[in-house]
Amino acid sequence: MTKLIIGGRDFEVAPYKIKQLRLAAPSIDAINARAGADTPITTLTEMTAMLVDFIGALIVGIQIADPTITVDWLEENIGLGDMAALQRSFKDVMAASGMAAASGEAAAPPVPVADGA
């Protein structure tokens, strides 16, 4: 589990299994598309959309530990100042789920699949 701290409150974020990954995939795809874009985020609308995507990606892991937390609750309590915490938790949960390297670590090489298996 990784930790997200918002407003002094700690949230545990569970790594993704297939079910959680399926639910978080649209938000993860949007985050990755923004990260690969040639143009930086320059508007408040784009920044807000990015925050909502981080919430959408993290909520499925948060709800494993605490099903009472909702997207609406997070949107009411997360501000622009929480961007770094959201990004850090997102990177950590992606690493814990085996999809990316944790901060400062090299990604594990892919496991080859033998032909005819």
C-alpha atoms as a PDB file:
ATOM      1  CA  MET A   1       0.000   0.000   0.000  1.00  0.00           C
ATOM      2  CA  THR A   2       1.087   3.542  -0.642  1.00  0.00           C
ATOM      3  CA  LYS A   3       0.042   6.601   1.296  1.00  0.00           C
ATOM      4  CA  LEU A   4      -1.674   9.803   0.206  1.00  0.00           C
ATOM      5  CA  ILE A   5      -1.790  12.696   2.661  1.00  0.00           C
ATOM      6  CA  ILE A   6      -4.489  15.310   2.036  1.00  0.00           C
ATOM      7  CA  GLY A   7      -5.206  18.031   4.558  1.00  0.00           C
ATOM      8  CA  GLY A   8      -3.237  16.206   7.242  1.00  0.00           C
ATOM      9  CA  ARG A   9      -5.279  13.038   6.759  1.00  0.00           C
ATOM     10  CA  ASP A  10      -3.566   9.815   5.686  1.00  0.00           C
ATOM     11  CA  PHE A  11      -5.166   7.590   3.060  1.00  0.00           C
ATOM     12  CA  GLU A  12      -3.914   4.128   2.191  1.00  0.00           C
ATOM     13  CA  VAL A  13      -3.910   3.443  -1.543  1.00  0.00           C
ATOM     14  CA  ALA A  14      -3.884  -0.245  -2.479  1.00  0.00           C
ATOM     15  CA  PRO A  15      -2.013  -1.450  -5.561  1.00  0.00           C
ATOM     16  CA  TYR A  16      -4.150  -2.249  -8.579  1.00  0.00           C
ATOM     17  CA  LYS A  17      -5.311  -5.723  -9.411  1.00  0.00           C
ATOM     18  CA  ILE A  18      -7.150  -6.269 -12.704  1.00  0.00           C
ATOM     19  CA  LYS A  19     -10.519  -5.076 -11.364  1.00  0.00           C
ATOM     20  CA  GLN A  20      -9.092  -1.828 -10.016  1.00  0.00           C
ATOM     21  CA  LEU A  21      -6.942  -1.350 -13.093  1.00  0.00           C
ATOM     22  CA  ARG A  22      -9.997  -1.660 -15.342  1.00  0.00           C
ATOM     23  CA  LEU A  23     -11.794   0.998 -13.291  1.00  0.00           C
ATOM     24  CA  ALA A  24      -8.785   3.333 -13.141  1.00  0.00           C
ATOM     25  CA  ALA A  25      -7.652   2.810 -16.759  1.00  0.00           C
ATOM     26  CA  PRO A  26      -9.504   5.779 -18.335  1.00  0.00           C
ATOM     27  CA  SER A  27      -7.978   8.170 -15.784  1.00  0.00           C
ATOM     28  CA  ILE A  28      -4.523   6.578 -16.111  1.00  0.00           C
ATOM     29  CA  ASP A  29      -4.739   6.850 -19.906  1.00  0.00           C
ATOM     30  CA  ALA A  30      -5.668  10.545 -19.634  1.00  0.00           C
ATOM     31  CA  ILE A  31      -2.743  11.192 -17.257  1.00  0.00           C
ATOM     32  CA  ASN A  32      -0.337   9.405 -19.594  1.00  0.00           C
ATOM     33  CA  ALA A  33      -1.670  11.284 -22.634  1.00  0.00           C
ATOM     34  CA  ARG A  34      -1.100  14.602 -20.870  1.00  0.00           C
ATOM     35  CA  ALA A  35       2.390  13.543 -19.786  1.00  0.00           C
ATOM     36  CA  GLY A  36       3.281  12.678 -23.384  1.00  0.00           C
ATOM     37  CA  ALA A  37       1.823  15.861 -24.871  1.00  0.00           C
ATOM     38  CA  ASP A  38       4.173  18.368 -26.448  1.00  0.00           C
ATOM     39  CA  THR A  39       2.366  21.333 -24.939  1.00  0.00           C
ATOM     40  CA  PRO A  40       2.463  22.152 -21.223  1.00  0.00           C
ATOM     41  CA  ILE A  41      -0.653  22.593 -19.145  1.00  0.00           C
ATOM     42  CA  THR A  42      -1.375  26.309 -19.213  1.00  0.00           C
ATOM     43  CA  THR A  43      -5.005  26.762 -18.220  1.00  0.00           C
ATOM     44  CA  LEU A  44      -6.906  26.285 -15.006  1.00  0.00           C
ATOM     45  CA  THR A  45      -9.341  24.060 -16.910  1.00  0.00           C
ATOM     46  CA  GLU A  46      -6.515  21.720 -17.938  1.00  0.00           C
ATOM     47  CA  MET A  47      -5.031  21.702 -14.436  1.00  0.00           C
ATOM     48  CA  THR A  48      -8.404  20.921 -12.869  1.00  0.00           C
ATOM     49  CA  ALA A  49      -8.957  18.111 -15.378  1.00  0.00           C
ATOM     50  CA  MET A  50      -5.579  16.669 -14.436  1.00  0.00           C
ATOM     51  CA  LEU A  51      -6.470  16.752 -10.726  1.00  0.00           C
ATOM     52  CA  VAL A  52      -9.756  14.984 -11.473  1.00  0.00           C
ATOM     53  CA  ASP A  53      -7.843  12.323 -13.433  1.00  0.00           C
ATOM     54  CA  PHE A  54      -5.481  11.744 -10.494  1.00  0.00           C
ATOM     55  CA  ILE A  55      -8.511  11.404  -8.217  1.00  0.00           C
ATOM     56  CA  GLY A  56     -10.116   8.961 -10.675  1.00  0.00           C
ATOM     57  CA  ALA A  57      -6.946   6.886 -10.777  1.00  0.00           C
ATOM     58  CA  LEU A  58      -6.395   6.822  -7.009  1.00  0.00           C
ATOM     59  CA  ILE A  59      -9.965   6.437  -5.724  1.00  0.00           C
ATOM     60  CA  VAL A  60     -10.167   2.743  -6.630  1.00  0.00           C
ATOM     61  CA  GLY A  61      -7.149   1.995  -4.451  1.00  0.00           C
ATOM     62  CA  ILE A  62      -8.343   4.258  -1.641  1.00  0.00           C
ATOM     63  CA  GLN A  63     -11.773   2.608  -1.531  1.00  0.00           C
ATOM     64  CA  ILE A  64     -10.210  -0.802  -0.889  1.00  0.00           C
ATOM     65  CA  ALA A  65      -8.974   0.466   2.476  1.00  0.00           C
ATOM     66  CA  ASP A  66     -11.885   2.841   3.136  1.00  0.00           C
ATOM     67  CA  PRO A  67     -15.035   2.347   1.023  1.00  0.00           C
ATOM     68  CA  THR A  68     -16.657   5.397   2.622  1.00  0.00           C
ATOM     69  CA  ILE A  69     -14.337   7.783   0.750  1.00  0.00           C
ATOM     70  CA  THR A  70     -15.935   8.999  -2.485  1.00  0.00           C
ATOM     71  CA  VAL A  71     -14.803  10.929  -5.536  1.00  0.00           C
ATOM     72  CA  ASP A  72     -17.071  13.772  -4.401  1.00  0.00           C
ATOM     73  CA  TRP A  73     -15.424  13.856  -0.970  1.00  0.00           C
ATOM     74  CA  LEU A  74     -11.957  13.977  -2.537  1.00  0.00           C
ATOM     75  CA  GLU A  75     -12.985  16.713  -4.984  1.00  0.00           C
ATOM     76  CA  GLU A  76     -14.349  18.754  -2.071  1.00  0.00           C
ATOM     77  CA  ASN A  77     -11.137  18.372  -0.057  1.00  0.00           C
ATOM     78  CA  ILE A  78      -8.292  18.403  -2.599  1.00  0.00           C
ATOM     79  CA  GLY A  79      -6.846  21.701  -3.750  1.00  0.00           C
ATOM     80  CA  LEU A  80      -4.187  22.814  -6.215  1.00  0.00           C
ATOM     81  CA  GLY A  81      -1.634  22.635  -3.416  1.00  0.00           C
ATOM     82  CA  ASP A  82      -2.166  18.865  -3.240  1.00  0.00           C
ATOM     83  CA  MET A  83      -0.908  18.276  -6.796  1.00  0.00           C
ATOM     84  CA  ALA A  84       2.542  17.053  -5.689  1.00  0.00           C
ATOM     85  CA  ALA A  85       1.031  14.601  -3.186  1.00  0.00           C
ATOM     86  CA  LEU A  86      -1.344  13.238  -5.847  1.00  0.00           C
ATOM     87  CA  GLN A  87       1.468  12.832  -8.386  1.00  0.00           C
ATOM     88  CA  ARG A  88       3.713  11.103  -5.842  1.00  0.00           C
ATOM     89  CA  SER A  89       0.949   8.703  -4.748  1.00  0.00           C
ATOM     90  CA  PHE A  90       0.046   7.983  -8.362  1.00  0.00           C
ATOM     91  CA  LYS A  91       3.664   7.111  -9.212  1.00  0.00           C
ATOM     92  CA  ASP A  92       3.960   4.971  -6.096  1.00  0.00           C
ATOM     93  CA  VAL A  93       0.747   3.021  -6.722  1.00  0.00           C
ATOM     94  CA  MET A  94       1.741   2.469 -10.358  1.00  0.00           C
ATOM     95  CA  ALA A  95       5.093   1.079  -9.158  1.00  0.00           C
ATOM     96  CA  ALA A  96       3.441  -1.067  -6.483  1.00  0.00           C
ATOM     97  CA  SER A  97       1.139  -2.433  -9.180  1.00  0.00           C
ATOM     98  CA  GLY A  98       4.115  -3.367 -11.366  1.00  0.00           C
ATOM     99  CA  MET A  99       3.432  -0.768 -14.064  1.00  0.00           C
ATOM    100  CA  ALA A 100       6.192   1.791 -13.442  1.00  0.00           C
ATOM    101  CA  ALA A 101       9.311   2.346 -11.408  1.00  0.00           C
ATOM    102  CA  ALA A 102       9.010   3.965  -7.998  1.00  0.00           C
ATOM    103  CA  SER A 103      10.640   7.354  -7.612  1.00  0.00           C
ATOM    104  CA  GLY A 104      14.394   6.986  -8.154  1.00  0.00           C
ATOM    105  CA  GLU A 105      14.262   3.307  -9.146  1.00  0.00           C
ATOM    106  CA  ALA A 106      14.815   1.640 -12.493  1.00  0.00           C
ATOM    107  CA  ALA A 107      11.823  -0.152 -13.953  1.00  0.00           C
ATOM    108  CA  ALA A 108      11.965  -3.938 -13.888  1.00  0.00           C
ATOM    109  CA  PRO A 109      12.555  -5.452 -17.322  1.00  0.00           C
ATOM    110  CA  PRO A 110       9.566  -7.134 -18.951  1.00  0.00           C
ATOM    111  CA  VAL A 111       9.337 -10.890 -18.514  1.00  0.00           C
ATOM    112  CA  PRO A 112       9.634 -12.654 -21.891  1.00  0.00           C
ATOM    113  CA  VAL A 113       6.939 -15.138 -22.827  1.00  0.00           C
ATOM    114  CA  ALA A 114       8.175 -18.295 -24.507  1.00  0.00           C
ATOM    115  CA  ASP A 115       6.782 -19.124 -27.950  1.00  0.00           C
ATOM    116  CA  GLY A 116       4.225 -21.892 -27.960  1.00  0.00           C
ATOM    117  CA  ALA A 117       3.379 -21.451 -24.303  1.00  0.00           C
END
